[in-house]
PDB file of all heavy atoms in Angstrom:
ATOM      1  N   HIS A   1     -11.829 -17.668   8.193  1.00  0.00           N
ATOM      2  CA  HIS A   1     -11.352 -16.590   7.289  1.00  0.00           C
ATOM      3  C   HIS A   1     -11.176 -15.413   8.085  1.00  0.00           C
ATOM      4  O   HIS A   1     -11.991 -15.018   8.866  1.00  0.00           O
ATOM      5  CB  HIS A   1     -12.508 -16.343   6.242  1.00  0.00           C
ATOM      6  CG  HIS A   1     -12.088 -15.453   5.115  1.00  0.00           C
ATOM      7  ND1 HIS A   1     -12.952 -14.831   4.222  1.00  0.00           N
ATOM      8  CD2 HIS A   1     -10.880 -14.962   4.742  1.00  0.00           C
ATOM      9  CE1 HIS A   1     -12.313 -14.109   3.325  1.00  0.00           C
ATOM     10  NE2 HIS A   1     -11.006 -14.174   3.601  1.00  0.00           N
ATOM     11  N   LEU A   2     -10.115 -14.758   7.904  1.00  0.00           N
ATOM     12  CA  LEU A   2      -9.674 -13.518   8.524  1.00  0.00           C
ATOM     13  C   LEU A   2      -9.694 -12.439   7.300  1.00  0.00           C
ATOM     14  O   LEU A   2      -8.819 -12.501   6.453  1.00  0.00           O
ATOM     15  CB  LEU A   2      -8.319 -13.418   9.142  1.00  0.00           C
ATOM     16  CG  LEU A   2      -7.750 -12.092   9.506  1.00  0.00           C
ATOM     17  CD1 LEU A   2      -8.647 -11.374  10.575  1.00  0.00           C
ATOM     18  CD2 LEU A   2      -6.320 -12.254  10.093  1.00  0.00           C
ATOM     19  N   VAL A   3     -10.540 -11.425   7.380  1.00  0.00           N
ATOM     20  CA  VAL A   3     -10.621 -10.325   6.522  1.00  0.00           C
ATOM     21  C   VAL A   3     -10.119  -9.065   7.321  1.00  0.00           C
ATOM     22  O   VAL A   3     -10.616  -8.893   8.438  1.00  0.00           O
ATOM     23  CB  VAL A   3     -12.045 -10.047   5.884  1.00  0.00           C
ATOM     24  CG1 VAL A   3     -11.953  -8.754   5.060  1.00  0.00           C
ATOM     25  CG2 VAL A   3     -12.562 -11.184   5.128  1.00  0.00           C
ATOM     26  N   TYR A   4      -9.181  -8.261   6.759  1.00  0.00           N
ATOM     27  CA  TYR A   4      -8.582  -7.219   7.512  1.00  0.00           C
ATOM     28  C   TYR A   4      -8.379  -6.015   6.711  1.00  0.00           C
ATOM     29  O   TYR A   4      -8.296  -6.059   5.480  1.00  0.00           O
ATOM     30  CB  TYR A   4      -7.265  -7.693   8.190  1.00  0.00           C
ATOM     31  CG  TYR A   4      -6.165  -7.952   7.186  1.00  0.00           C
ATOM     32  CD1 TYR A   4      -5.268  -7.072   6.728  1.00  0.00           C
ATOM     33  CD2 TYR A   4      -6.057  -9.379   6.617  1.00  0.00           C
ATOM     34  CE1 TYR A   4      -4.268  -7.441   5.831  1.00  0.00           C
ATOM     35  CE2 TYR A   4      -5.124  -9.638   5.673  1.00  0.00           C
ATOM     36  CZ  TYR A   4      -4.287  -8.697   5.262  1.00  0.00           C
ATOM     37  OH  TYR A   4      -3.174  -9.067   4.319  1.00  0.00           O
ATOM     38  N   ALA A   5      -8.372  -4.841   7.316  1.00  0.00           N
ATOM     39  CA  ALA A   5      -8.231  -3.614   6.676  1.00  0.00           C
ATOM     40  C   ALA A   5      -6.799  -3.314   6.342  1.00  0.00           C
ATOM     41  O   ALA A   5      -5.970  -3.235   7.268  1.00  0.00           O
ATOM     42  CB  ALA A   5      -8.867  -2.442   7.555  1.00  0.00           C
ATOM     43  N   SER A   6      -6.488  -3.119   5.112  1.00  0.00           N
ATOM     44  CA  SER A   6      -5.207  -2.460   4.708  1.00  0.00           C
ATOM     45  C   SER A   6      -5.602  -1.097   4.179  1.00  0.00           C
ATOM     46  O   SER A   6      -6.560  -0.581   4.677  1.00  0.00           O
ATOM     47  CB  SER A   6      -4.556  -3.327   3.612  1.00  0.00           C
ATOM     48  OG  SER A   6      -3.285  -2.769   3.336  1.00  0.00           O
ATOM     49  N   SER A   7      -4.793  -0.491   3.370  1.00  0.00           N
ATOM     50  CA  SER A   7      -5.035   0.904   3.010  1.00  0.00           C
ATOM     51  C   SER A   7      -4.348   1.224   1.632  1.00  0.00           C
ATOM     52  O   SER A   7      -3.271   0.614   1.205  1.00  0.00           O
ATOM     53  CB  SER A   7      -4.452   1.807   3.927  1.00  0.00           C
ATOM     54  OG  SER A   7      -4.406   3.161   3.601  1.00  0.00           O
ATOM     55  N   SER A   8      -4.939   2.037   0.818  1.00  0.00           N
ATOM     56  CA  SER A   8      -4.392   2.500  -0.368  1.00  0.00           C
ATOM     57  C   SER A   8      -3.028   3.318  -0.102  1.00  0.00           C
ATOM     58  O   SER A   8      -2.182   3.440  -1.070  1.00  0.00           O
ATOM     59  CB  SER A   8      -5.271   3.523  -1.157  1.00  0.00           C
ATOM     60  OG  SER A   8      -5.544   4.666  -0.316  1.00  0.00           O
ATOM     61  N   SER A   9      -2.759   3.752   1.159  1.00  0.00           N
ATOM     62  CA  SER A   9      -1.566   4.422   1.460  1.00  0.00           C
ATOM     63  C   SER A   9      -0.285   3.535   1.330  1.00  0.00           C
ATOM     64  O   SER A   9       0.827   4.034   1.244  1.00  0.00           O
ATOM     65  CB  SER A   9      -1.550   4.942   2.857  1.00  0.00           C
ATOM     66  OG  SER A   9      -1.624   3.928   3.848  1.00  0.00           O
ATOM     67  N   VAL A  10      -0.480   2.257   1.223  1.00  0.00           N
ATOM     68  CA  VAL A  10       0.706   1.287   1.024  1.00  0.00           C
ATOM     69  C   VAL A  10       1.354   1.564  -0.313  1.00  0.00           C
ATOM     70  O   VAL A  10       2.548   1.280  -0.470  1.00  0.00           O
ATOM     71  CB  VAL A  10       0.299  -0.144   1.040  1.00  0.00           C
ATOM     72  CG1 VAL A  10      -0.335  -0.480   2.475  1.00  0.00           C
ATOM     73  CG2 VAL A  10      -0.649  -0.620  -0.004  1.00  0.00           C
ATOM     74  N   TYR A  11       0.723   2.129  -1.330  1.00  0.00           N
ATOM     75  CA  TYR A  11       1.316   2.397  -2.523  1.00  0.00           C
ATOM     76  C   TYR A  11       2.379   3.508  -2.461  1.00  0.00           C
ATOM     77  O   TYR A  11       3.199   3.674  -3.354  1.00  0.00           O
ATOM     78  CB  TYR A  11       0.192   2.831  -3.610  1.00  0.00           C
ATOM     79  CG  TYR A  11      -0.544   1.566  -3.993  1.00  0.00           C
ATOM     80  CD1 TYR A  11      -1.917   1.353  -3.487  1.00  0.00           C
ATOM     81  CD2 TYR A  11      -0.091   0.603  -4.855  1.00  0.00           C
ATOM     82  CE1 TYR A  11      -2.662   0.290  -3.755  1.00  0.00           C
ATOM     83  CE2 TYR A  11      -0.821  -0.569  -5.134  1.00  0.00           C
ATOM     84  CZ  TYR A  11      -2.126  -0.627  -4.583  1.00  0.00           C
ATOM     85  OH  TYR A  11      -2.863  -1.744  -4.917  1.00  0.00           O
ATOM     86  N   GLY A  12       2.412   4.328  -1.461  1.00  0.00           N
ATOM     87  CA  GLY A  12       3.429   5.301  -1.176  1.00  0.00           C
ATOM     88  C   GLY A  12       3.793   6.118  -2.351  1.00  0.00           C
ATOM     89  O   GLY A  12       2.922   6.828  -2.941  1.00  0.00           O
ATOM     90  N   ILE A  13       5.082   6.154  -2.811  1.00  0.00           N
ATOM     91  CA  ILE A  13       5.468   7.066  -3.847  1.00  0.00           C
ATOM     92  C   ILE A  13       5.347   6.529  -5.227  1.00  0.00           C
ATOM     93  O   ILE A  13       5.815   7.052  -6.196  1.00  0.00           O
ATOM     94  CB  ILE A  13       6.959   7.565  -3.662  1.00  0.00           C
ATOM     95  CG1 ILE A  13       7.953   6.332  -3.546  1.00  0.00           C
ATOM     96  CG2 ILE A  13       7.071   8.378  -2.323  1.00  0.00           C
ATOM     97  CD1 ILE A  13       9.373   6.772  -3.531  1.00  0.00           C
ATOM     98  N   ASN A  14       4.660   5.364  -5.274  1.00  0.00           N
ATOM     99  CA  ASN A  14       4.386   4.681  -6.582  1.00  0.00           C
ATOM    100  C   ASN A  14       3.494   5.673  -7.458  1.00  0.00           C
ATOM    101  O   ASN A  14       2.440   6.103  -6.897  1.00  0.00           O
ATOM    102  CB  ASN A  14       3.643   3.400  -6.344  1.00  0.00           C
ATOM    103  CG  ASN A  14       3.219   2.759  -7.647  1.00  0.00           C
ATOM    104  OD1 ASN A  14       3.825   2.993  -8.720  1.00  0.00           O
ATOM    105  ND2 ASN A  14       2.158   1.926  -7.587  1.00  0.00           N
ATOM    106  N   GLU A  15       3.877   6.044  -8.649  1.00  0.00           N
ATOM    107  CA  GLU A  15       3.059   6.869  -9.453  1.00  0.00           C
ATOM    108  C   GLU A  15       2.445   6.254 -10.637  1.00  0.00           C
ATOM    109  O   GLU A  15       1.804   6.836 -11.445  1.00  0.00           O
ATOM    110  CB  GLU A  15       3.904   8.065  -9.925  1.00  0.00           C
ATOM    111  CG  GLU A  15       4.497   8.962  -8.807  1.00  0.00           C
ATOM    112  CD  GLU A  15       5.266  10.086  -9.271  1.00  0.00           C
ATOM    113  OE1 GLU A  15       5.564  10.202 -10.544  1.00  0.00           O
ATOM    114  OE2 GLU A  15       5.734  10.985  -8.471  1.00  0.00           O
ATOM    115  N   ARG A  16       2.538   4.871 -10.635  1.00  0.00           N
ATOM    116  CA  ARG A  16       1.861   4.139 -11.736  1.00  0.00           C
ATOM    117  C   ARG A  16       0.376   4.060 -11.492  1.00  0.00           C
ATOM    118  O   ARG A  16      -0.011   3.578 -10.428  1.00  0.00           O
ATOM    119  CB  ARG A  16       2.504   2.753 -11.874  1.00  0.00           C
ATOM    120  CG  ARG A  16       1.994   1.947 -13.045  1.00  0.00           C
ATOM    121  CD  ARG A  16       2.677   0.580 -13.041  1.00  0.00           C
ATOM    122  NE  ARG A  16       2.011  -0.355 -14.018  1.00  0.00           N
ATOM    123  CZ  ARG A  16       2.548  -1.540 -14.280  1.00  0.00           C
ATOM    124  NH1 ARG A  16       3.609  -2.008 -13.621  1.00  0.00           N
ATOM    125  NH2 ARG A  16       1.999  -2.284 -15.210  1.00  0.00           N
ATOM    126  N   MET A  17      -0.462   4.583 -12.386  1.00  0.00           N
ATOM    127  CA  MET A  17      -1.821   4.575 -12.218  1.00  0.00           C
ATOM    128  C   MET A  17      -2.558   3.674 -13.247  1.00  0.00           C
ATOM    129  O   MET A  17      -2.115   3.664 -14.390  1.00  0.00           O
ATOM    130  CB  MET A  17      -2.414   6.013 -12.295  1.00  0.00           C
ATOM    131  CG  MET A  17      -1.889   6.934 -11.215  1.00  0.00           C
ATOM    132  SD  MET A  17      -2.612   6.591  -9.690  1.00  0.00           S
ATOM    133  CE  MET A  17      -1.752   7.794  -8.690  1.00  0.00           C
ATOM    134  N   PRO A  18      -3.697   3.069 -12.859  1.00  0.00           N
ATOM    135  CA  PRO A  18      -4.231   2.945 -11.593  1.00  0.00           C
ATOM    136  C   PRO A  18      -3.349   1.975 -10.694  1.00  0.00           C
ATOM    137  O   PRO A  18      -2.724   1.135 -11.242  1.00  0.00           O
ATOM    138  CB  PRO A  18      -5.653   2.347 -11.805  1.00  0.00           C
ATOM    139  CG  PRO A  18      -5.506   1.655 -13.104  1.00  0.00           C
ATOM    140  CD  PRO A  18      -4.522   2.395 -13.937  1.00  0.00           C
ATOM    141  N   PHE A  19      -3.544   2.185  -9.389  1.00  0.00           N
ATOM    142  CA  PHE A  19      -2.870   1.326  -8.481  1.00  0.00           C
ATOM    143  C   PHE A  19      -3.302  -0.183  -8.649  1.00  0.00           C
ATOM    144  O   PHE A  19      -4.537  -0.419  -8.580  1.00  0.00           O
ATOM    145  CB  PHE A  19      -2.973   1.723  -7.016  1.00  0.00           C
ATOM    146  CG  PHE A  19      -2.402   3.000  -6.692  1.00  0.00           C
ATOM    147  CD1 PHE A  19      -2.934   3.854  -5.693  1.00  0.00           C
ATOM    148  CD2 PHE A  19      -1.298   3.471  -7.416  1.00  0.00           C
ATOM    149  CE1 PHE A  19      -2.392   5.050  -5.405  1.00  0.00           C
ATOM    150  CE2 PHE A  19      -0.684   4.765  -7.066  1.00  0.00           C
ATOM    151  CZ  PHE A  19      -1.197   5.460  -6.103  1.00  0.00           C
ATOM    152  N   SER A  20      -2.458  -1.073  -8.778  1.00  0.00           N
ATOM    153  CA  SER A  20      -2.756  -2.533  -8.976  1.00  0.00           C
ATOM    154  C   SER A  20      -2.097  -3.332  -7.787  1.00  0.00           C
ATOM    155  O   SER A  20      -1.041  -2.980  -7.291  1.00  0.00           O
ATOM    156  CB  SER A  20      -2.186  -3.040 -10.319  1.00  0.00           C
ATOM    157  OG  SER A  20      -2.271  -4.466 -10.309  1.00  0.00           O
ATOM    158  N   THR A  21      -2.848  -4.283  -7.399  1.00  0.00           N
ATOM    159  CA  THR A  21      -2.306  -5.167  -6.293  1.00  0.00           C
ATOM    160  C   THR A  21      -0.973  -5.954  -6.848  1.00  0.00           C
ATOM    161  O   THR A  21      -0.277  -6.545  -5.976  1.00  0.00           O
ATOM    162  CB  THR A  21      -3.318  -6.178  -5.795  1.00  0.00           C
ATOM    163  OG1 THR A  21      -3.845  -6.957  -6.916  1.00  0.00           O
ATOM    164  CG2 THR A  21      -4.449  -5.440  -5.136  1.00  0.00           C
ATOM    165  N   SER A  22      -0.787  -5.981  -8.104  1.00  0.00           N
ATOM    166  CA  SER A  22       0.425  -6.671  -8.570  1.00  0.00           C
ATOM    167  C   SER A  22       1.648  -5.647  -8.546  1.00  0.00           C
ATOM    168  O   SER A  22       2.693  -6.061  -8.921  1.00  0.00           O
ATOM    169  CB  SER A  22       0.156  -6.971 -10.089  1.00  0.00           C
ATOM    170  OG  SER A  22      -0.889  -8.070 -10.114  1.00  0.00           O
ATOM    171  N   ASP A  23       1.440  -4.343  -8.259  1.00  0.00           N
ATOM    172  CA  ASP A  23       2.490  -3.446  -8.181  1.00  0.00           C
ATOM    173  C   ASP A  23       3.376  -3.683  -6.905  1.00  0.00           C
ATOM    174  O   ASP A  23       2.803  -4.075  -5.905  1.00  0.00           O
ATOM    175  CB  ASP A  23       1.968  -1.992  -8.137  1.00  0.00           C
ATOM    176  CG  ASP A  23       1.275  -1.583  -9.450  1.00  0.00           C
ATOM    177  OD1 ASP A  23       1.517  -2.249 -10.421  1.00  0.00           O
ATOM    178  OD2 ASP A  23       0.525  -0.603  -9.367  1.00  0.00           O
ATOM    179  N   ASN A  24       4.598  -3.251  -7.087  1.00  0.00           N
ATOM    180  CA  ASN A  24       5.514  -3.198  -5.889  1.00  0.00           C
ATOM    181  C   ASN A  24       5.057  -2.139  -4.875  1.00  0.00           C
ATOM    182  O   ASN A  24       4.740  -0.921  -5.328  1.00  0.00           O
ATOM    183  CB  ASN A  24       6.881  -2.937  -6.271  1.00  0.00           C
ATOM    184  CG  ASN A  24       7.871  -2.920  -5.170  1.00  0.00           C
ATOM    185  OD1 ASN A  24       7.910  -1.912  -4.471  1.00  0.00           O
ATOM    186  ND2 ASN A  24       8.754  -3.913  -5.076  1.00  0.00           N
ATOM    187  N   VAL A  25       5.021  -2.504  -3.645  1.00  0.00           N
ATOM    188  CA  VAL A  25       4.559  -1.462  -2.588  1.00  0.00           C
ATOM    189  C   VAL A  25       5.651  -1.380  -1.436  1.00  0.00           C
ATOM    190  O   VAL A  25       5.240  -1.410  -0.293  1.00  0.00           O
ATOM    191  CB  VAL A  25       3.170  -1.766  -2.046  1.00  0.00           C
ATOM    192  CG1 VAL A  25       2.096  -1.489  -3.044  1.00  0.00           C
ATOM    193  CG2 VAL A  25       3.094  -3.151  -1.559  1.00  0.00           C
ATOM    194  N   ASP A  26       6.854  -1.285  -1.831  1.00  0.00           N
ATOM    195  CA  ASP A  26       7.969  -1.282  -0.816  1.00  0.00           C
ATOM    196  C   ASP A  26       8.435   0.103  -0.489  1.00  0.00           C
ATOM    197  O   ASP A  26       9.516   0.159   0.115  1.00  0.00           O
ATOM    198  CB  ASP A  26       9.123  -2.095  -1.376  1.00  0.00           C
ATOM    199  CG  ASP A  26       8.829  -3.649  -1.400  1.00  0.00           C
ATOM    200  OD1 ASP A  26       7.875  -3.994  -0.693  1.00  0.00           O
ATOM    201  OD2 ASP A  26       9.496  -4.326  -2.154  1.00  0.00           O
ATOM    202  N   HIS A  27       7.690   1.164  -0.937  1.00  0.00           N
ATOM    203  CA  HIS A  27       8.163   2.538  -0.635  1.00  0.00           C
ATOM    204  C   HIS A  27       7.027   3.280   0.051  1.00  0.00           C
ATOM    205  O   HIS A  27       6.649   4.286  -0.549  1.00  0.00           O
ATOM    206  CB  HIS A  27       8.658   3.201  -1.901  1.00  0.00           C
ATOM    207  CG  HIS A  27       9.813   2.377  -2.528  1.00  0.00           C
ATOM    208  ND1 HIS A  27       9.650   1.396  -3.380  1.00  0.00           N
ATOM    209  CD2 HIS A  27      11.220   2.595  -2.352  1.00  0.00           C
ATOM    210  CE1 HIS A  27      10.773   0.903  -3.841  1.00  0.00           C
ATOM    211  NE2 HIS A  27      11.668   1.629  -3.087  1.00  0.00           N
ATOM    212  N   PRO A  28       6.592   2.949   1.236  1.00  0.00           N
ATOM    213  CA  PRO A  28       5.626   3.761   2.030  1.00  0.00           C
ATOM    214  C   PRO A  28       6.246   5.009   2.420  1.00  0.00           C
ATOM    215  O   PRO A  28       7.438   5.194   2.569  1.00  0.00           O
ATOM    216  CB  PRO A  28       5.188   2.903   3.164  1.00  0.00           C
ATOM    217  CG  PRO A  28       6.376   1.963   3.312  1.00  0.00           C
ATOM    218  CD  PRO A  28       7.039   1.788   2.004  1.00  0.00           C
ATOM    219  N   ILE A  29       5.344   6.046   2.622  1.00  0.00           N
ATOM    220  CA  ILE A  29       5.867   7.433   3.003  1.00  0.00           C
ATOM    221  C   ILE A  29       5.136   7.902   4.302  1.00  0.00           C
ATOM    222  O   ILE A  29       5.290   9.100   4.573  1.00  0.00           O
ATOM    223  CB  ILE A  29       5.714   8.425   1.835  1.00  0.00           C
ATOM    224  CG1 ILE A  29       4.300   8.458   1.419  1.00  0.00           C
ATOM    225  CG2 ILE A  29       6.703   8.067   0.703  1.00  0.00           C
ATOM    226  CD1 ILE A  29       4.106   9.698   0.386  1.00  0.00           C
ATOM    227  N   SER A  30       4.606   6.992   5.129  1.00  0.00           N
ATOM    228  CA  SER A  30       4.077   7.299   6.415  1.00  0.00           C
ATOM    229  C   SER A  30       4.153   5.998   7.238  1.00  0.00           C
ATOM    230  O   SER A  30       4.150   4.900   6.700  1.00  0.00           O
ATOM    231  CB  SER A  30       2.667   7.826   6.370  1.00  0.00           C
ATOM    232  OG  SER A  30       1.761   6.736   6.027  1.00  0.00           O
ATOM    233  N   LEU A  31       4.171   6.194   8.553  1.00  0.00           N
ATOM    234  CA  LEU A  31       4.332   4.976   9.414  1.00  0.00           C
ATOM    235  C   LEU A  31       3.018   4.217   9.318  1.00  0.00           C
ATOM    236  O   LEU A  31       2.960   3.053   9.475  1.00  0.00           O
ATOM    237  CB  LEU A  31       4.618   5.372  10.846  1.00  0.00           C
ATOM    238  CG  LEU A  31       4.829   4.195  11.797  1.00  0.00           C
ATOM    239  CD1 LEU A  31       6.048   3.393  11.427  1.00  0.00           C
ATOM    240  CD2 LEU A  31       5.020   4.681  13.248  1.00  0.00           C
ATOM    241  N   TYR A  32       1.863   5.001   9.168  1.00  0.00           N
ATOM    242  CA  TYR A  32       0.608   4.342   8.996  1.00  0.00           C
ATOM    243  C   TYR A  32       0.616   3.388   7.774  1.00  0.00           C
ATOM    244  O   TYR A  32       0.240   2.233   7.938  1.00  0.00           O
ATOM    245  CB  TYR A  32      -0.521   5.386   8.754  1.00  0.00           C
ATOM    246  CG  TYR A  32      -1.927   4.782   8.296  1.00  0.00           C
ATOM    247  CD1 TYR A  32      -2.510   3.981   9.234  1.00  0.00           C
ATOM    248  CD2 TYR A  32      -2.376   5.126   7.130  1.00  0.00           C
ATOM    249  CE1 TYR A  32      -3.820   3.391   8.868  1.00  0.00           C
ATOM    250  CE2 TYR A  32      -3.597   4.470   6.700  1.00  0.00           C
ATOM    251  CZ  TYR A  32      -4.349   3.655   7.615  1.00  0.00           C
ATOM    252  OH  TYR A  32      -5.498   3.151   7.238  1.00  0.00           O
ATOM    253  N   ALA A  33       1.098   3.854   6.744  1.00  0.00           N
ATOM    254  CA  ALA A  33       1.197   3.046   5.466  1.00  0.00           C
ATOM    255  C   ALA A  33       2.242   1.822   5.769  1.00  0.00           C
ATOM    256  O   ALA A  33       1.895   0.662   5.355  1.00  0.00           O
ATOM    257  CB  ALA A  33       1.736   3.768   4.255  1.00  0.00           C
ATOM    258  N   ALA A  34       3.291   2.075   6.433  1.00  0.00           N
ATOM    259  CA  ALA A  34       4.152   0.964   6.790  1.00  0.00           C
ATOM    260  C   ALA A  34       3.554  -0.113   7.626  1.00  0.00           C
ATOM    261  O   ALA A  34       3.770  -1.230   7.530  1.00  0.00           O
ATOM    262  CB  ALA A  34       5.498   1.551   7.343  1.00  0.00           C
ATOM    263  N   SER A  35       2.665   0.344   8.531  1.00  0.00           N
ATOM    264  CA  SER A  35       2.033  -0.563   9.540  1.00  0.00           C
ATOM    265  C   SER A  35       1.051  -1.520   8.713  1.00  0.00           C
ATOM    266  O   SER A  35       0.913  -2.617   9.032  1.00  0.00           O
ATOM    267  CB  SER A  35       1.298   0.243  10.609  1.00  0.00           C
ATOM    268  OG  SER A  35       0.135   0.893  10.182  1.00  0.00           O
ATOM    269  N   LYS A  36       0.379  -0.797   7.779  1.00  0.00           N
ATOM    270  CA  LYS A  36      -0.586  -1.662   6.920  1.00  0.00           C
ATOM    271  C   LYS A  36       0.091  -2.622   5.965  1.00  0.00           C
ATOM    272  O   LYS A  36      -0.339  -3.765   5.798  1.00  0.00           O
ATOM    273  CB  LYS A  36      -1.571  -0.594   6.189  1.00  0.00           C
ATOM    274  CG  LYS A  36      -2.521   0.091   6.985  1.00  0.00           C
ATOM    275  CD  LYS A  36      -3.371  -0.865   7.753  1.00  0.00           C
ATOM    276  CE  LYS A  36      -4.348  -0.289   8.570  1.00  0.00           C
ATOM    277  NZ  LYS A  36      -5.267  -1.269   9.208  1.00  0.00           N
ATOM    278  N   LYS A  37       1.203  -2.184   5.365  1.00  0.00           N
ATOM    279  CA  LYS A  37       1.996  -3.062   4.627  1.00  0.00           C
ATOM    280  C   LYS A  37       2.509  -4.215   5.463  1.00  0.00           C
ATOM    281  O   LYS A  37       2.539  -5.386   5.062  1.00  0.00           O
ATOM    282  CB  LYS A  37       3.175  -2.364   3.929  1.00  0.00           C
ATOM    283  CG  LYS A  37       4.189  -3.237   3.263  1.00  0.00           C
ATOM    284  CD  LYS A  37       3.534  -4.140   2.173  1.00  0.00           C
ATOM    285  CE  LYS A  37       4.652  -4.920   1.420  1.00  0.00           C
ATOM    286  NZ  LYS A  37       3.964  -5.917   0.472  1.00  0.00           N
TER     287      LYS A  37
END
């Protein structure tokens, strides 16, 4: 098993609350977020 750190920053400009793992996360707004995605 590999467990790894991602980040809430992957949600980017998504404004739908609360953030769900079923949401699209294709719009990061930092390179950090893009690296985690």
